[in-house]
Structures are given as C-alpha cells and as structure tokens.
C-alpha cells in the first residue's frame, strides 16, 4: 500500500510539472511576435529546469497553433518505483489565444 501511495505521488508530481511546462510554453508562444518554436523551446527548458528525466521520463513537447491560438502538449512517463517497469503515462496540455494588436475603429 505504501508503494502504491508513493507511486501515485510521483505520478501526480510529474503531471503537475508537465502542466506547468505546457503553460510556460503557451505563455511564451502567445506573445505578439513570438513563434511556436519559442513556446516549445520554453516548455523544454522548463522540463530541464524542473529535473528533466528525474521527474518526467521519455518526455516530449509538441506545439501547434495558428494566427489566433496556440496549444502546447507535454507527454512522458512518471518515474517508476519498480526497476525495468515504465511509470504511468502523463499527458498535459495548455492553450491560449495569441496576442495581437488591433487598431481602434471609430464609428
């Protein structure tokens, strides 16, 4: 029971790190003049800063979007307590509108 509780906590932590990385990627990628590549790079850097493979093994980041919206998806596996057995799969995403300046229209 204790192993199950600890494994659940590791999965929950990995899920939170993946979610935070996706949110960081969207935060950077949605700024006016930014790119999907910049958002993806920020999410990858966040994962490295958060512990990399020690928290989320086999991680991958995918950024998609268009001129109006950006979505960042972070996937991977949480750390497993059992050697040779992969941890539970984690997938978190975040999305948001791309900032853009418009001119004020007067009637």
N, C-alpha and C. Protein backbone atom coordinates (compact mmCIF):
# COMPACT_ATOMS: atom_id res chain seq x y z
N UNK A 1 0.82 -1.19 0.00
CA UNK A 1 0.00 0.00 0.00
C UNK A 1 0.88 1.27 0.00
N UNK A 2 1.98 1.22 0.73
CA UNK A 2 2.88 2.37 0.79
C UNK A 2 3.49 2.62 -0.58
N UNK A 3 3.90 1.56 -1.29
CA UNK A 3 4.47 1.74 -2.63
C UNK A 3 3.43 2.36 -3.57
N UNK A 4 2.21 1.93 -3.48
CA UNK A 4 1.15 2.50 -4.31
C UNK A 4 0.94 3.97 -4.02
N UNK A 5 1.00 4.34 -2.76
CA UNK A 5 0.83 5.73 -2.38
C UNK A 5 1.99 6.59 -2.91
N UNK A 6 3.21 6.09 -2.76
CA UNK A 6 4.37 6.83 -3.26
C UNK A 6 4.35 6.92 -4.78
N UNK A 7 3.98 5.82 -5.46
CA UNK A 7 3.90 5.84 -6.93
C UNK A 7 2.85 6.85 -7.38
N UNK A 8 1.74 6.90 -6.68
CA UNK A 8 0.70 7.88 -7.01
C UNK A 8 1.19 9.31 -6.82
N UNK A 9 1.96 9.54 -5.78
CA UNK A 9 2.51 10.88 -5.54
C UNK A 9 3.50 11.26 -6.63
N UNK A 10 4.32 10.31 -7.08
CA UNK A 10 5.27 10.58 -8.16
C UNK A 10 4.54 10.91 -9.46
N UNK A 11 3.46 10.18 -9.74
CA UNK A 11 2.66 10.45 -10.93
C UNK A 11 2.03 11.84 -10.85
N UNK A 12 1.48 12.18 -9.69
CA UNK A 12 0.84 13.47 -9.50
C UNK A 12 1.85 14.61 -9.69
N UNK A 13 3.04 14.43 -9.14
CA UNK A 13 4.09 15.45 -9.29
C UNK A 13 4.50 15.59 -10.76
N UNK A 14 4.68 14.48 -11.46
CA UNK A 14 5.04 14.52 -12.87
C UNK A 14 3.94 15.21 -13.69
N UNK A 15 2.70 14.95 -13.34
CA UNK A 15 1.58 15.59 -14.02
C UNK A 15 1.59 17.10 -13.81
N UNK A 16 1.89 17.53 -12.58
CA UNK A 16 1.95 18.96 -12.30
C UNK A 16 3.11 19.63 -13.04
N UNK A 17 4.25 18.97 -13.11
CA UNK A 17 5.40 19.52 -13.84
C UNK A 17 5.08 19.61 -15.33
N UNK A 18 4.44 18.59 -15.89
CA UNK A 18 4.06 18.62 -17.31
C UNK A 18 3.07 19.75 -17.59
N UNK A 19 2.12 19.93 -16.69
CA UNK A 19 1.14 21.00 -16.85
C UNK A 19 1.80 22.37 -16.78
N UNK A 20 2.71 22.55 -15.83
CA UNK A 20 3.40 23.83 -15.70
C UNK A 20 4.27 24.10 -16.93
N UNK A 21 4.92 23.08 -17.47
CA UNK A 21 5.74 23.25 -18.67
C UNK A 21 4.87 23.66 -19.85
N UNK A 22 3.72 23.02 -20.00
CA UNK A 22 2.81 23.38 -21.09
C UNK A 22 2.32 24.82 -20.94
N UNK A 23 2.00 25.23 -19.74
CA UNK A 23 1.54 26.60 -19.50
C UNK A 23 2.65 27.61 -19.79
N UNK A 24 3.88 27.29 -19.42
CA UNK A 24 5.01 28.18 -19.72
C UNK A 24 5.20 28.30 -21.23
N UNK A 25 5.09 27.18 -21.94
CA UNK A 25 5.22 27.22 -23.38
C UNK A 25 4.18 28.10 -24.04
N UNK A 26 2.95 27.99 -23.55
CA UNK A 26 1.86 28.83 -24.09
C UNK A 26 2.11 30.29 -23.74
N UNK A 27 2.55 30.54 -22.52
CA UNK A 27 2.79 31.92 -22.09
C UNK A 27 3.80 32.60 -23.01
N UNK A 28 4.86 31.91 -23.36
CA UNK A 28 5.88 32.49 -24.23
C UNK A 28 5.41 32.52 -25.69
N UNK A 29 4.77 31.47 -26.14
CA UNK A 29 4.37 31.37 -27.54
C UNK A 29 3.23 32.28 -27.94
N UNK A 30 2.45 32.75 -26.99
CA UNK A 30 1.29 33.57 -27.34
C UNK A 30 1.58 35.06 -27.40
N UNK A 31 2.78 35.47 -26.99
CA UNK A 31 3.15 36.88 -27.02
C UNK A 31 3.22 37.36 -28.46
N UNK A 32 2.77 38.58 -28.69
CA UNK A 32 2.79 39.15 -30.03
C UNK A 32 4.21 39.13 -30.59
N UNK A 33 4.40 38.54 -31.75
CA UNK A 33 5.70 38.46 -32.38
C UNK A 33 6.47 37.19 -32.05
N UNK A 34 5.97 36.36 -31.15
CA UNK A 34 6.65 35.12 -30.79
C UNK A 34 6.27 34.02 -31.79
N UNK A 35 6.85 32.83 -31.60
CA UNK A 35 6.60 31.73 -32.52
C UNK A 35 6.27 30.45 -31.74
N UNK A 36 5.78 29.46 -32.46
CA UNK A 36 5.55 28.15 -31.87
C UNK A 36 6.86 27.53 -31.39
N UNK A 37 7.91 27.76 -32.14
CA UNK A 37 9.22 27.22 -31.79
C UNK A 37 9.68 27.78 -30.45
N UNK A 38 9.46 29.06 -30.23
CA UNK A 38 9.85 29.68 -28.96
C UNK A 38 9.05 29.11 -27.80
N UNK A 39 7.76 28.87 -28.02
CA UNK A 39 6.93 28.27 -26.98
C UNK A 39 7.36 26.86 -26.65
N UNK A 40 7.66 26.08 -27.68
CA UNK A 40 8.12 24.71 -27.47
C UNK A 40 9.45 24.69 -26.75
N UNK A 41 10.36 25.57 -27.15
CA UNK A 41 11.67 25.64 -26.51
C UNK A 41 11.55 26.01 -25.03
N UNK A 42 10.65 26.93 -24.71
CA UNK A 42 10.47 27.32 -23.30
C UNK A 42 9.93 26.15 -22.49
N UNK A 43 9.00 25.39 -23.05
CA UNK A 43 8.46 24.23 -22.34
C UNK A 43 9.56 23.19 -22.11
N UNK A 44 10.40 22.95 -23.10
CA UNK A 44 11.52 22.01 -22.95
C UNK A 44 12.50 22.48 -21.88
N UNK A 45 12.82 23.78 -21.90
CA UNK A 45 13.73 24.33 -20.89
C UNK A 45 13.13 24.22 -19.49
N UNK A 46 11.84 24.42 -19.38
CA UNK A 46 11.17 24.29 -18.08
C UNK A 46 11.31 22.86 -17.56
N UNK A 47 11.13 21.88 -18.45
CA UNK A 47 11.27 20.48 -18.03
C UNK A 47 12.68 20.19 -17.54
N UNK A 48 13.67 20.71 -18.24
CA UNK A 48 15.06 20.50 -17.82
C UNK A 48 15.30 21.16 -16.46
N UNK A 49 14.83 22.38 -16.29
CA UNK A 49 15.00 23.09 -15.02
C UNK A 49 14.27 22.39 -13.87
N UNK A 50 13.18 21.70 -14.17
CA UNK A 50 12.39 21.04 -13.13
C UNK A 50 12.93 19.66 -12.78
N UNK A 51 13.98 19.23 -13.42
CA UNK A 51 14.56 17.94 -13.07
C UNK A 51 14.66 16.98 -14.23
N UNK A 52 14.19 17.38 -15.39
CA UNK A 52 14.32 16.54 -16.58
C UNK A 52 13.78 15.14 -16.40
N UNK A 53 14.61 14.15 -16.72
CA UNK A 53 14.21 12.75 -16.66
C UNK A 53 13.99 12.22 -15.26
N UNK A 54 14.43 12.97 -14.24
CA UNK A 54 14.20 12.53 -12.87
C UNK A 54 12.74 12.69 -12.46
N UNK A 55 12.02 13.54 -13.17
CA UNK A 55 10.60 13.77 -12.86
C UNK A 55 9.70 13.19 -13.94
N UNK A 56 10.05 13.45 -15.20
CA UNK A 56 9.23 13.03 -16.34
C UNK A 56 10.12 12.37 -17.38
N UNK A 57 10.14 11.05 -17.39
CA UNK A 57 10.99 10.30 -18.32
C UNK A 57 10.35 10.25 -19.70
N UNK A 58 11.17 10.10 -20.72
CA UNK A 58 10.71 10.00 -22.11
C UNK A 58 9.78 11.16 -22.48
N UNK A 59 10.12 12.34 -22.04
CA UNK A 59 9.25 13.49 -22.27
C UNK A 59 9.36 14.00 -23.70
N UNK A 60 8.26 14.54 -24.17
CA UNK A 60 8.19 15.15 -25.50
C UNK A 60 7.26 16.35 -25.42
N UNK A 61 7.56 17.37 -26.22
CA UNK A 61 6.75 18.58 -26.25
C UNK A 61 6.33 18.84 -27.69
N UNK A 62 5.05 19.11 -27.87
CA UNK A 62 4.51 19.42 -29.20
C UNK A 62 3.76 20.74 -29.12
N UNK A 63 4.06 21.66 -30.01
CA UNK A 63 3.38 22.96 -30.05
C UNK A 63 2.68 23.08 -31.40
N UNK A 64 1.42 23.42 -31.36
CA UNK A 64 0.64 23.61 -32.57
C UNK A 64 -0.16 24.90 -32.44
N UNK A 65 -0.61 25.40 -33.55
CA UNK A 65 -1.43 26.60 -33.49
C UNK A 65 -1.51 27.29 -34.82
N UNK A 66 -2.15 28.42 -34.78
CA UNK A 66 -2.29 29.26 -35.97
C UNK A 66 -2.18 30.72 -35.52
N UNK A 67 -2.65 31.62 -36.33
CA UNK A 67 -2.53 33.04 -36.02
C UNK A 67 -3.39 33.45 -34.82
N UNK A 68 -4.36 32.64 -34.44
CA UNK A 68 -5.28 33.02 -33.37
C UNK A 68 -5.08 32.26 -32.07
N UNK A 69 -4.50 31.05 -32.11
CA UNK A 69 -4.45 30.21 -30.91
C UNK A 69 -3.21 29.33 -30.92
N UNK A 70 -2.66 29.07 -29.73
CA UNK A 70 -1.52 28.18 -29.58
C UNK A 70 -1.86 27.10 -28.56
N UNK A 71 -1.38 25.88 -28.83
CA UNK A 71 -1.57 24.76 -27.91
C UNK A 71 -0.22 24.07 -27.74
N UNK A 72 0.14 23.79 -26.49
CA UNK A 72 1.36 23.06 -26.17
C UNK A 72 0.97 21.80 -25.42
N UNK A 73 1.46 20.65 -25.87
CA UNK A 73 1.18 19.36 -25.25
C UNK A 73 2.49 18.75 -24.77
N UNK A 74 2.53 18.37 -23.50
CA UNK A 74 3.72 17.74 -22.91
C UNK A 74 3.34 16.31 -22.53
N UNK A 75 4.11 15.34 -23.00
CA UNK A 75 3.87 13.94 -22.68
C UNK A 75 5.12 13.31 -22.09
N UNK A 76 4.94 12.20 -21.41
CA UNK A 76 6.05 11.46 -20.85
C UNK A 76 5.56 10.39 -19.90
N UNK A 77 6.47 9.89 -19.10
CA UNK A 77 6.13 8.88 -18.09
C UNK A 77 6.68 9.33 -16.75
N UNK A 78 5.87 9.14 -15.71
CA UNK A 78 6.36 9.46 -14.38
C UNK A 78 7.39 8.41 -13.96
N UNK A 79 8.19 8.75 -12.99
CA UNK A 79 9.22 7.84 -12.51
C UNK A 79 8.54 6.63 -11.87
N UNK A 80 9.10 5.46 -12.10
CA UNK A 80 8.55 4.22 -11.54
C UNK A 80 9.41 3.73 -10.38
N UNK A 81 8.77 3.19 -9.37
CA UNK A 81 9.48 2.61 -8.24
C UNK A 81 10.02 1.22 -8.55
N UNK A 82 9.44 0.58 -9.57
CA UNK A 82 9.86 -0.77 -9.93
C UNK A 82 10.88 -0.71 -11.06
N UNK A 83 12.08 -1.25 -10.84
CA UNK A 83 13.10 -1.23 -11.89
C UNK A 83 12.64 -2.01 -13.13
N UNK A 84 12.89 -1.43 -14.29
CA UNK A 84 12.54 -2.09 -15.53
C UNK A 84 11.10 -1.93 -15.96
N UNK A 85 10.29 -1.32 -15.12
CA UNK A 85 8.88 -1.10 -15.45
C UNK A 85 8.66 0.39 -15.61
N UNK A 86 8.12 0.77 -16.75
CA UNK A 86 7.86 2.19 -17.00
C UNK A 86 6.76 2.72 -16.10
N UNK A 87 6.89 3.96 -15.73
CA UNK A 87 5.87 4.60 -14.90
C UNK A 87 4.62 4.92 -15.70
N UNK A 88 3.58 5.35 -15.00
CA UNK A 88 2.33 5.71 -15.69
C UNK A 88 2.53 6.86 -16.67
N UNK A 89 1.79 6.82 -17.76
CA UNK A 89 1.87 7.85 -18.80
C UNK A 89 1.24 9.15 -18.30
N UNK A 90 1.87 10.24 -18.68
CA UNK A 90 1.39 11.58 -18.33
C UNK A 90 1.24 12.38 -19.60
N UNK A 91 0.13 13.07 -19.75
CA UNK A 91 -0.09 13.98 -20.88
C UNK A 91 -0.87 15.18 -20.38
N UNK A 92 -0.28 16.35 -20.54
CA UNK A 92 -0.93 17.59 -20.13
C UNK A 92 -0.84 18.59 -21.27
N UNK A 93 -1.85 19.41 -21.41
CA UNK A 93 -1.84 20.42 -22.47
C UNK A 93 -2.33 21.75 -21.93
N UNK A 94 -1.95 22.78 -22.62
CA UNK A 94 -2.42 24.13 -22.32
C UNK A 94 -2.60 24.85 -23.65
N UNK A 95 -3.54 25.77 -23.69
CA UNK A 95 -3.74 26.55 -24.90
C UNK A 95 -4.21 27.94 -24.53
N UNK A 96 -4.04 28.83 -25.46
CA UNK A 96 -4.47 30.20 -25.23
C UNK A 96 -4.47 31.00 -26.52
N UNK A 97 -5.14 32.14 -26.50
CA UNK A 97 -5.17 32.98 -27.69
C UNK A 97 -3.84 33.69 -27.89
N UNK A 98 -3.49 33.88 -29.15
CA UNK A 98 -2.27 34.60 -29.48
C UNK A 98 -2.56 36.10 -29.38
N UNK A 99 -1.68 36.81 -28.69
CA UNK A 99 -1.86 38.25 -28.55
C UNK A 99 -1.62 38.93 -29.89
N UNK A 100 -2.42 39.90 -30.19
CA UNK A 100 -2.21 40.69 -31.39
C UNK A 100 -2.80 42.06 -31.16
N UNK A 101 -2.15 43.02 -31.70
CA UNK A 101 -2.62 44.38 -31.56
C UNK A 101 -3.52 44.71 -32.74
N UNK A 102 -4.60 45.39 -32.44
CA UNK A 102 -5.53 45.82 -33.49
C UNK A 102 -5.70 47.32 -33.39
N UNK A 103 -6.11 47.89 -34.46
CA UNK A 103 -6.35 49.34 -34.43
C UNK A 103 -7.76 49.61 -33.93
N UNK A 104 -7.90 50.72 -33.31
CA UNK A 104 -9.20 51.09 -32.79
C UNK A 104 -10.03 51.66 -33.93
N UNK A 105 -11.22 51.12 -34.05
CA UNK A 105 -12.12 51.56 -35.11
C UNK A 105 -13.11 52.55 -34.51
N UNK A 106 -13.18 53.71 -35.11
CA UNK A 106 -14.14 54.72 -34.63
C UNK A 106 -15.34 54.75 -35.55
N UNK A 107 -16.52 54.83 -34.97
CA UNK A 107 -17.73 54.84 -35.81
C UNK A 107 -17.92 56.12 -36.58
